[in-house]
Amino acid sequence: MISFKQLPIEAKAAVAAGVVFFSMMLSRSYLAEKLDFRTRHLLLRLQMTLFFNALMLMGSLHVWKSTVTTFTRSSAASSFCFMLWKIAVFMFLALAHSSFFTLLFLVAEEPYFFSLAAYTCLGAYIILIFFLFTLGSVEQAYKFLAGRGAKAGTGNKNRAALKPVLAVLLTVVLTVVGLLNASQPPAVNSVEIPVHKLPSTMNNLKVVLLSDIHLGPTVGKTKLAMIVRMVKALKPDITVIVGDLSDAEAKIIRPAVEPLGELDSPLGTYFVTGNHEYYTSDVSNWFELLKSFNIQPLHNENVKIVSPKSTSDWFCLAGVDDIEADVLRYSGHGMDLKKALRGCSSEHAIVLLAHQPIAAKWALQERPDINLILSGHTHGGQIFPLNAGAYLLNPFFVGLYQVGQNTFVYVSPGTMYYGIPMRLGSRAEITEIILRSP
């Protein structure tokens, strides 16, 4: 029987990831009632950090073998340039691994350069792993089709060296493009949506939708202030923030949130939680902070949005807690559609704020009379190649969807980004929604 010491290092990393994952499940089930929520939260974050780093270790070993070990027998292996290359690859992998720890220790009013560098390396790491895997699969397919009778020679060695070189070049190019795209201000996307039973006096009502700003290691006060300026320039009647505003506790990042106090939509500014609000374990303090900025959290509740032209005309604006609150057993929170829509009848238009598209799907299954749901969460995939996964995992991916005859769902691609300061195959967006009366 093979002992743990005899296992290859990749297998050891896999075992470590499995052990951490098992400890996470154990903590959720057996320690949930024995630990206070904050301790449980910190333990979960540490476990998640260790789990992802254990998974990444397997990929990092493959990167090292592909980009360093492959060339150790070449004539350039003893050169000073190759030594610099080895150091660069090691630093790249070390920064990528450290990105998860910056969320625990390096969050402030403005991002630290180290955090930006670490998350940039994480984004490049994801792209590099994808290309190494893809090119390796193509190589294996070529060998299979060409037959294995050919002798290994110089040509085969050259092809083996070409794979990592091409993967690195593609990664560098896409990383630069992704950084440049993410550094641009969010695009303003104007969308007209017909809302069944919306009063004629509220025709052309303007709602500005924000989502997934992710104040934290790589998004700070400067970017939020820019977003607020852009929103104010649109002069919305209502502003809504559909979750994932922050990745940190309210006290730690409060100075970065101050620009939100400048939002002054005449019919109000409203907020619902995203999954990352629950990861902070600080939702109550976030609610109080937002209220101090005149932003109303909709905690499984609703408000009547009354027409400025007629007090008898109104529609129901409701918001539900993010479904992650149920998974984390966050006391007093969790998606409760019945409570959120209490008093909202089908006689009036209903607009629902729900962070995750899957929550939008569940809501429509329970209450098909909802006229419009505004969501976020997917980021439009944020960066290649994660776009495909986000598309497959969500019932609504990005943009406007019509469900039935009188219902629409709009999914924002996010107003900023999560961690990795890159955008590939997606664009950050501030959505200007014009509500049309039928």
Protein backbone atom coordinates (compact mmCIF):
# COMPACT_ATOMS: atom_id res chain seq x y z
CA MET A 1 0.00 0.00 0.00
CA ILE A 2 1.35 3.40 -1.00
CA SER A 3 2.01 5.75 1.95
CA PHE A 4 1.24 9.47 1.92
CA LYS A 5 4.96 10.26 1.66
CA GLN A 6 5.23 8.22 -1.53
CA LEU A 7 2.43 10.11 -3.29
CA PRO A 8 3.43 12.65 -5.95
CA ILE A 9 3.14 16.24 -4.78
CA GLU A 10 0.08 16.86 -7.00
CA ALA A 11 -1.73 14.01 -5.22
CA LYS A 12 -0.70 15.42 -1.84
CA ALA A 13 -2.18 18.80 -2.80
CA ALA A 14 -5.40 17.07 -3.85
CA VAL A 15 -5.55 15.25 -0.50
CA ALA A 16 -4.94 18.53 1.34
CA ALA A 17 -7.77 20.19 -0.60
CA GLY A 18 -10.04 17.26 0.27
CA VAL A 19 -9.17 17.49 3.96
CA VAL A 20 -9.87 21.23 4.05
CA PHE A 21 -13.15 20.75 2.18
CA PHE A 22 -14.19 18.03 4.65
CA SER A 23 -13.34 20.35 7.56
CA MET A 24 -15.56 23.05 5.97
CA MET A 25 -18.49 20.65 5.80
CA LEU A 26 -17.79 19.52 9.37
CA SER A 27 -17.72 23.11 10.58
CA ARG A 28 -21.05 23.90 8.92
CA SER A 29 -22.83 20.90 10.37
CA TYR A 30 -21.31 20.12 13.78
CA LEU A 31 -19.80 23.45 14.85
CA ALA A 32 -22.59 25.70 13.57
CA GLU A 33 -24.36 25.80 16.92
CA LYS A 34 -21.23 25.72 19.10
CA LEU A 35 -19.41 28.76 17.68
CA ASP A 36 -20.60 32.35 17.55
CA PHE A 37 -21.27 33.61 14.06
CA ARG A 38 -18.19 35.84 13.77
CA THR A 39 -15.84 33.04 14.81
CA ARG A 40 -17.57 30.66 12.42
CA HIS A 41 -17.28 33.25 9.67
CA LEU A 42 -13.54 33.78 10.20
CA LEU A 43 -12.99 30.04 10.31
CA LEU A 44 -14.91 29.60 7.07
CA ARG A 45 -12.92 32.33 5.32
CA LEU A 46 -9.64 30.81 6.43
CA GLN A 47 -10.79 27.37 5.29
CA MET A 48 -11.88 28.75 1.91
CA THR A 49 -8.50 30.45 1.49
CA LEU A 50 -6.64 27.23 2.30
CA PHE A 51 -8.97 25.20 0.07
CA PHE A 52 -8.44 27.38 -3.00
CA ASN A 53 -4.70 27.54 -2.39
CA ALA A 54 -4.54 23.74 -2.17
CA LEU A 55 -6.43 23.47 -5.46
CA MET A 56 -4.21 26.11 -7.04
CA LEU A 57 -1.09 24.25 -5.90
CA MET A 58 -1.88 21.47 -8.36
CA GLY A 59 -2.16 24.00 -11.16
CA SER A 60 0.97 25.84 -10.00
CA LEU A 61 3.01 22.66 -10.14
CA HIS A 62 1.82 22.14 -13.72
CA VAL A 63 2.71 25.74 -14.60
CA TRP A 64 6.19 25.29 -13.13
CA LYS A 65 6.80 22.06 -15.00
CA SER A 66 5.53 23.57 -18.27
CA THR A 67 7.33 26.91 -18.10
CA VAL A 68 10.51 26.01 -16.17
CA THR A 69 11.23 22.28 -15.90
CA THR A 70 10.62 21.77 -19.64
CA PHE A 71 13.61 24.00 -20.42
CA THR A 72 16.07 22.75 -17.77
CA ARG A 73 17.83 20.48 -20.28
CA SER A 74 18.20 23.17 -22.90
CA SER A 75 21.46 25.02 -23.53
CA ALA A 76 19.97 28.19 -22.00
CA ALA A 77 19.21 26.53 -18.65
CA SER A 78 22.49 27.69 -17.09
CA SER A 79 22.17 31.27 -18.28
CA PHE A 80 21.48 34.30 -16.11
CA CYS A 81 18.30 35.06 -18.10
CA PHE A 82 16.89 31.65 -17.31
CA MET A 83 17.55 32.24 -13.61
CA LEU A 84 15.63 35.50 -13.84
CA TRP A 85 12.81 33.65 -15.61
CA LYS A 86 12.62 31.07 -12.81
CA ILE A 87 12.42 33.86 -10.22
CA ALA A 88 9.72 35.64 -12.26
CA VAL A 89 7.60 32.47 -12.54
CA PHE A 90 8.00 31.77 -8.81
CA MET A 91 7.00 35.35 -7.88
CA PHE A 92 4.03 35.19 -10.26
CA LEU A 93 2.74 32.01 -8.64
CA ALA A 94 3.41 33.31 -5.12
CA LEU A 95 1.43 36.51 -5.83
CA ALA A 96 -1.45 34.55 -7.34
CA HIS A 97 -1.63 32.37 -4.22
CA SER A 98 -1.43 35.37 -1.87
CA SER A 99 -4.42 37.12 -3.48
CA PHE A 100 -6.92 35.32 -1.24
CA PHE A 101 -5.08 36.49 1.88
CA THR A 102 -5.28 40.18 0.89
CA LEU A 103 -9.03 40.01 1.47
CA LEU A 104 -8.31 39.12 5.09
CA PHE A 105 -5.48 41.56 5.81
CA LEU A 106 -5.19 44.30 3.14
CA VAL A 107 -8.49 46.18 2.82
CA ALA A 108 -8.54 49.96 3.14
CA GLU A 109 -10.03 53.15 1.69
CA GLU A 110 -7.98 52.70 -1.47
CA PRO A 111 -6.44 49.48 -2.83
CA TYR A 112 -2.88 48.56 -1.91
CA PHE A 113 -0.53 48.03 -4.86
CA PHE A 114 0.26 44.56 -3.53
CA SER A 115 -3.43 43.60 -3.68
CA LEU A 116 -3.76 44.85 -7.26
CA ALA A 117 -0.62 42.95 -8.28
CA ALA A 118 -1.74 39.77 -6.51
CA TYR A 119 -5.20 39.73 -8.07
CA THR A 120 -3.77 40.59 -11.49
CA CYS A 121 -1.51 37.55 -11.18
CA LEU A 122 -4.53 35.47 -10.15
CA GLY A 123 -6.36 36.53 -13.32
CA ALA A 124 -3.31 35.78 -15.46
CA TYR A 125 -2.94 32.44 -13.65
CA ILE A 126 -6.49 31.41 -14.62
CA ILE A 127 -5.88 32.35 -18.26
CA LEU A 128 -2.49 30.59 -18.34
CA ILE A 129 -3.89 27.38 -16.87
CA PHE A 130 -6.64 27.42 -19.50
CA PHE A 131 -4.20 27.78 -22.40
CA LEU A 132 -1.77 25.20 -21.07
CA PHE A 133 -4.63 22.73 -20.72
CA THR A 134 -6.13 23.58 -24.12
CA LEU A 135 -2.83 23.46 -26.00
CA GLY A 136 -1.91 20.25 -24.17
CA SER A 137 -5.21 18.69 -25.25
CA VAL A 138 -4.59 19.77 -28.85
CA GLU A 139 -1.09 18.27 -28.68
CA GLN A 140 -2.44 14.97 -27.37
CA ALA A 141 -5.11 14.90 -30.07
CA TYR A 142 -2.46 15.56 -32.72
CA LYS A 143 -0.32 12.70 -31.40
CA PHE A 144 -3.29 10.37 -31.42
CA LEU A 145 -4.28 11.29 -34.98
CA ALA A 146 -0.71 11.23 -36.28
CA GLY A 147 -0.04 7.88 -34.65
CA ARG A 148 2.57 6.99 -32.09
CA GLY A 149 4.93 5.29 -34.49
CA ALA A 150 6.94 8.42 -35.12
CA LYS A 151 10.21 8.64 -33.20
CA ALA A 152 10.74 11.41 -30.72
CA GLY A 153 13.12 13.85 -32.26
CA THR A 154 14.06 17.49 -32.46
CA GLY A 155 10.71 18.39 -33.99
CA ASN A 156 8.83 16.84 -31.06
CA LYS A 157 11.05 18.65 -28.57
CA ASN A 158 10.45 21.93 -30.36
CA ARG A 159 6.67 21.37 -30.24
CA ALA A 160 6.93 20.62 -26.50
CA ALA A 161 8.72 23.93 -25.97
CA LEU A 162 6.34 25.81 -28.24
CA LYS A 163 3.29 25.01 -26.09
CA PRO A 164 4.34 26.95 -22.93
CA VAL A 165 5.80 29.80 -24.95
CA LEU A 166 2.56 30.25 -26.87
CA ALA A 167 0.48 29.93 -23.68
CA VAL A 168 2.57 32.59 -21.92
CA LEU A 169 2.37 34.99 -24.88
CA LEU A 170 -1.40 34.62 -25.14
CA THR A 171 -1.73 35.12 -21.38
CA VAL A 172 0.34 38.30 -21.42
CA VAL A 173 -1.67 39.77 -24.29
CA LEU A 174 -5.05 38.94 -22.77
CA THR A 175 -3.97 40.14 -19.32
CA VAL A 176 -2.99 43.55 -20.73
CA VAL A 177 -6.25 43.77 -22.69
CA GLY A 178 -8.25 42.74 -19.62
CA LEU A 179 -6.54 45.32 -17.42
CA LEU A 180 -7.15 48.08 -19.95
CA ASN A 181 -10.83 47.14 -20.32
CA ALA A 182 -11.39 47.09 -16.55
CA SER A 183 -9.62 50.43 -16.09
CA GLN A 184 -12.24 52.16 -18.26
CA PRO A 185 -15.30 53.76 -16.62
CA PRO A 186 -18.40 51.55 -16.69
CA ALA A 187 -20.44 51.79 -19.87
CA VAL A 188 -23.86 53.42 -19.52
CA ASN A 189 -26.38 51.06 -21.07
CA SER A 190 -29.86 52.47 -21.61
CA VAL A 191 -32.66 49.87 -21.76
CA GLU A 192 -36.37 50.43 -22.27
CA ILE A 193 -38.58 47.84 -20.54
CA PRO A 194 -42.38 47.69 -20.80
CA VAL A 195 -43.90 47.10 -17.37
CA HIS A 196 -47.38 45.61 -17.30
CA LYS A 197 -49.84 47.68 -15.22
CA LEU A 198 -47.40 50.53 -14.72
CA PRO A 199 -49.52 53.72 -14.39
CA SER A 200 -49.38 56.04 -17.37
CA THR A 201 -48.30 58.87 -15.06
CA MET A 202 -45.11 56.87 -14.40
CA ASN A 203 -44.28 56.29 -18.05
CA ASN A 204 -40.58 56.95 -18.75
CA LEU A 205 -39.65 56.59 -15.07
CA LYS A 206 -35.88 56.22 -14.91
CA VAL A 207 -34.27 53.55 -12.72
CA VAL A 208 -30.48 53.32 -12.48
CA LEU A 209 -29.25 49.82 -11.66
CA LEU A 210 -25.92 49.19 -9.89
CA SER A 211 -24.58 45.78 -8.97
CA ASP A 212 -21.41 44.00 -7.88
CA ILE A 213 -19.24 46.99 -7.01
CA HIS A 214 -17.18 44.84 -4.62
CA LEU A 215 -15.49 47.46 -2.48
CA GLY A 216 -12.48 45.65 -1.09
CA PRO A 217 -8.87 44.78 -1.97
CA THR A 218 -8.97 46.17 -5.53
CA VAL A 219 -11.89 48.64 -5.56
CA GLY A 220 -11.84 51.72 -3.34
CA LYS A 221 -13.23 55.19 -2.77
CA THR A 222 -11.95 56.73 -6.02
CA LYS A 223 -13.79 54.25 -8.22
CA LEU A 224 -16.97 54.49 -6.14
CA ALA A 225 -16.88 58.29 -6.37
CA MET A 226 -16.60 58.00 -10.16
CA ILE A 227 -19.65 55.69 -10.23
CA VAL A 228 -21.67 58.10 -8.08
CA ARG A 229 -20.79 61.02 -10.39
CA MET A 230 -21.94 59.03 -13.41
CA VAL A 231 -25.20 58.07 -11.69
CA LYS A 232 -25.95 61.66 -10.70
CA ALA A 233 -25.34 62.80 -14.27
CA LEU A 234 -28.11 60.42 -15.41
CA LYS A 235 -30.59 62.08 -13.01
CA PRO A 236 -32.52 58.90 -12.14
CA ASP A 237 -35.87 58.87 -10.40
CA ILE A 238 -34.79 55.77 -8.47
CA THR A 239 -31.39 54.15 -7.86
CA VAL A 240 -31.13 50.48 -6.90
CA ILE A 241 -28.07 48.49 -5.77
CA VAL A 242 -28.68 44.77 -6.16
CA GLY A 243 -26.02 43.31 -3.92
CA ASP A 244 -22.29 42.65 -3.58
CA LEU A 245 -21.54 46.23 -2.69
CA SER A 246 -18.60 45.20 -0.51
CA ASP A 247 -16.31 42.35 0.45
CA ALA A 248 -15.29 43.79 3.82
CA GLU A 249 -16.79 44.75 7.14
CA ALA A 250 -18.50 48.14 7.34
CA LYS A 251 -16.14 49.56 9.98
CA ILE A 252 -13.00 48.67 8.04
CA ILE A 253 -14.07 50.15 4.71
CA ARG A 254 -16.42 52.95 5.85
CA PRO A 255 -14.33 55.82 4.40
CA ALA A 256 -14.54 54.23 0.94
CA VAL A 257 -18.36 54.12 1.13
CA GLU A 258 -18.85 57.83 1.82
CA PRO A 259 -19.50 58.83 -1.84
CA LEU A 260 -22.81 56.91 -1.65
CA GLY A 261 -24.10 59.73 0.55
CA GLU A 262 -24.18 61.94 -2.55
CA LEU A 263 -26.86 59.85 -4.28
CA ASP A 264 -30.04 61.91 -4.29
CA SER A 265 -32.65 60.15 -6.43
CA PRO A 266 -36.02 61.85 -5.72
CA LEU A 267 -37.95 58.57 -5.31
CA GLY A 268 -35.23 56.95 -3.24
CA THR A 269 -32.15 54.72 -3.32
CA TYR A 270 -32.62 51.06 -2.39
CA PHE A 271 -30.35 48.12 -1.63
CA VAL A 272 -30.61 44.34 -1.36
CA THR A 273 -27.94 41.97 -0.13
CA GLY A 274 -25.74 39.82 -2.33
CA ASN A 275 -23.84 36.71 -1.34
CA HIS A 276 -20.71 38.71 -0.51
CA GLU A 277 -22.55 40.80 2.08
CA TYR A 278 -23.08 37.59 4.03
CA TYR A 279 -19.45 36.59 3.60
CA THR A 280 -18.56 39.75 5.56
CA SER A 281 -20.74 38.53 8.50
CA ASP A 282 -21.54 42.20 9.05
CA VAL A 283 -24.91 42.73 7.38
CA SER A 284 -26.56 44.54 10.30
CA ASN A 285 -23.77 47.13 10.43
CA TRP A 286 -23.95 47.51 6.66
CA PHE A 287 -27.69 48.20 6.90
CA GLU A 288 -27.11 50.89 9.52
CA LEU A 289 -24.30 52.47 7.50
CA LEU A 290 -26.41 52.57 4.33
CA LYS A 291 -29.34 54.07 6.22
CA SER A 292 -27.03 56.86 7.40
CA PHE A 293 -26.49 57.66 3.71
CA ASN A 294 -30.27 57.68 3.10
CA ILE A 295 -30.14 54.34 1.29
CA GLN A 296 -32.96 52.00 2.27
CA PRO A 297 -32.20 48.28 2.53
CA LEU A 298 -35.08 46.05 1.43
CA HIS A 299 -34.71 43.14 3.84
CA ASN A 300 -37.46 40.86 2.52
CA GLU A 301 -39.74 43.86 2.34
CA ASN A 302 -41.29 46.31 -0.11
CA VAL A 303 -42.12 49.96 -0.58
CA LYS A 304 -44.72 51.76 -2.64
CA ILE A 305 -43.15 53.95 -5.31
CA VAL A 306 -45.70 56.71 -5.74
CA SER A 307 -45.98 58.72 -8.95
CA PRO A 308 -44.79 62.33 -8.59
CA LYS A 309 -47.80 63.32 -10.73
CA SER A 310 -50.55 61.43 -8.90
CA THR A 311 -50.52 60.07 -5.35
CA SER A 312 -53.07 57.42 -6.34
CA ASP A 313 -50.67 55.86 -8.87
CA TRP A 314 -47.92 53.58 -7.60
CA PHE A 315 -46.09 50.33 -8.09
CA CYS A 316 -44.56 47.87 -5.65
CA LEU A 317 -40.77 47.76 -5.34
CA ALA A 318 -39.68 44.70 -3.35
CA GLY A 319 -36.36 43.17 -2.37
CA VAL A 320 -35.30 39.76 -1.08
CA ASP A 321 -32.25 38.65 0.88
CA ASP A 322 -29.66 36.73 -1.07
CA ILE A 323 -30.06 32.96 -1.07
CA GLU A 324 -26.54 32.51 0.33
CA ALA A 325 -27.90 33.60 3.73
CA ASP A 326 -29.75 30.28 3.91
CA VAL A 327 -26.63 28.32 2.99
CA LEU A 328 -24.59 30.10 5.66
CA ARG A 329 -27.42 29.87 8.21
CA TYR A 330 -27.23 33.63 8.74
CA SER A 331 -29.63 34.29 11.61
CA GLY A 332 -32.68 36.37 10.70
CA HIS A 333 -31.84 36.38 7.00
CA GLY A 334 -32.67 34.35 3.92
CA MET A 335 -34.82 34.70 0.84
CA ASP A 336 -38.46 35.05 1.93
CA LEU A 337 -40.55 36.00 -1.10
CA LYS A 338 -43.89 35.85 0.69
CA LYS A 339 -42.71 38.35 3.27
CA ALA A 340 -41.08 40.54 0.65
CA LEU A 341 -44.26 40.74 -1.45
CA ARG A 342 -46.69 41.11 1.44
CA GLY A 343 -49.22 43.71 0.31
CA CYS A 344 -48.08 43.56 -3.33
CA SER A 345 -51.04 42.38 -5.38
CA SER A 346 -51.27 41.73 -9.10
CA GLU A 347 -53.48 44.81 -9.39
CA HIS A 348 -50.33 46.91 -9.37
CA ALA A 349 -47.02 46.48 -11.14
CA ILE A 350 -44.40 44.57 -9.15
CA VAL A 351 -40.66 45.13 -9.49
CA LEU A 352 -38.38 42.77 -7.53
CA LEU A 353 -34.71 43.18 -6.60
CA ALA A 354 -32.96 39.81 -6.24
CA HIS A 355 -29.18 39.53 -6.44
CA GLN A 356 -28.81 36.09 -8.04
CA PRO A 357 -30.52 35.02 -11.30
CA ILE A 358 -31.38 31.67 -9.72
CA ALA A 359 -33.36 33.60 -7.08
CA ALA A 360 -35.16 35.37 -9.93
CA LYS A 361 -36.09 32.01 -11.40
CA TRP A 362 -37.40 30.73 -8.06
CA ALA A 363 -39.36 33.93 -7.51
CA LEU A 364 -41.13 33.62 -10.86
CA GLN A 365 -42.00 30.01 -10.16
CA GLU A 366 -43.73 31.12 -6.96
CA ARG A 367 -45.13 34.46 -8.16
CA PRO A 368 -45.45 34.58 -11.96
CA ASP A 369 -47.29 37.92 -11.63
CA ILE A 370 -43.99 39.73 -10.93
CA ASN A 371 -43.46 42.14 -13.83
CA LEU A 372 -39.75 42.93 -13.63
CA ILE A 373 -36.81 41.44 -11.74
CA LEU A 374 -33.45 43.18 -11.50
CA SER A 375 -30.43 40.99 -10.73
CA GLY A 376 -26.64 40.87 -10.95
CA HIS A 377 -24.14 38.34 -9.61
CA THR A 378 -22.87 36.84 -12.88
CA HIS A 379 -20.48 39.69 -13.83
CA GLY A 380 -21.07 38.50 -17.39
CA GLY A 381 -18.36 35.97 -16.52
CA GLN A 382 -15.94 38.89 -15.90
CA ILE A 383 -12.93 37.27 -17.56
CA PHE A 384 -12.28 34.60 -20.15
CA PRO A 385 -12.51 31.61 -19.69
CA LEU A 386 -14.84 31.96 -16.67
CA ASN A 387 -17.59 33.35 -18.95
CA ALA A 388 -18.61 29.86 -20.05
CA GLY A 389 -19.00 28.62 -16.48
CA ALA A 390 -21.09 31.64 -15.46
CA TYR A 391 -23.30 31.11 -18.52
CA LEU A 392 -23.93 27.45 -17.73
CA LEU A 393 -24.53 27.94 -14.00
CA ASN A 394 -27.14 30.70 -14.22
CA PRO A 395 -30.67 30.54 -15.70
CA PHE A 396 -30.25 34.17 -16.83
CA PHE A 397 -26.72 35.22 -17.78
CA VAL A 398 -26.60 38.89 -18.69
CA GLY A 399 -28.90 41.47 -20.26
CA LEU A 400 -32.67 41.50 -20.81
CA TYR A 401 -34.86 38.39 -20.86
CA GLN A 402 -38.59 38.08 -21.43
CA VAL A 403 -40.33 35.37 -19.41
CA GLY A 404 -43.91 34.79 -20.46
CA GLN A 405 -46.04 37.61 -21.79
CA ASN A 406 -45.73 40.26 -19.09
CA THR A 407 -42.49 39.54 -17.22
CA PHE A 408 -38.92 40.67 -17.81
CA VAL A 409 -35.64 39.88 -16.07
CA TYR A 410 -32.61 42.12 -16.40
CA VAL A 411 -29.21 40.85 -15.25
CA SER A 412 -26.47 43.44 -14.81
CA PRO A 413 -22.93 42.41 -15.80
CA GLY A 414 -21.72 44.31 -12.73
CA THR A 415 -20.64 47.89 -12.17
CA MET A 416 -17.06 47.02 -11.21
CA TYR A 417 -15.39 43.62 -10.72
CA TYR A 418 -14.63 41.10 -8.01
CA GLY A 419 -10.99 41.02 -6.97
CA ILE A 420 -9.31 40.50 -10.34
CA PRO A 421 -9.04 43.99 -11.93
CA MET A 422 -9.68 42.60 -15.40
CA ARG A 423 -12.55 42.30 -17.88
CA LEU A 424 -12.40 39.92 -20.85
CA GLY A 425 -15.52 39.14 -22.84
CA SER A 426 -17.59 41.39 -20.57
CA ARG A 427 -17.93 45.08 -19.79
CA ALA A 428 -18.68 46.83 -16.52
CA GLU A 429 -21.99 48.64 -16.71
CA ILE A 430 -24.26 51.22 -15.14
CA THR A 431 -27.72 50.40 -16.41
CA GLU A 432 -30.23 53.14 -17.14
CA ILE A 433 -33.63 51.47 -17.23
CA ILE A 434 -36.56 53.37 -18.69
CA LEU A 435 -39.86 51.94 -17.50
CA ARG A 436 -42.55 52.08 -20.17
CA SER A 437 -46.26 52.04 -19.43
CA PRO A 438 -48.15 49.71 -21.81
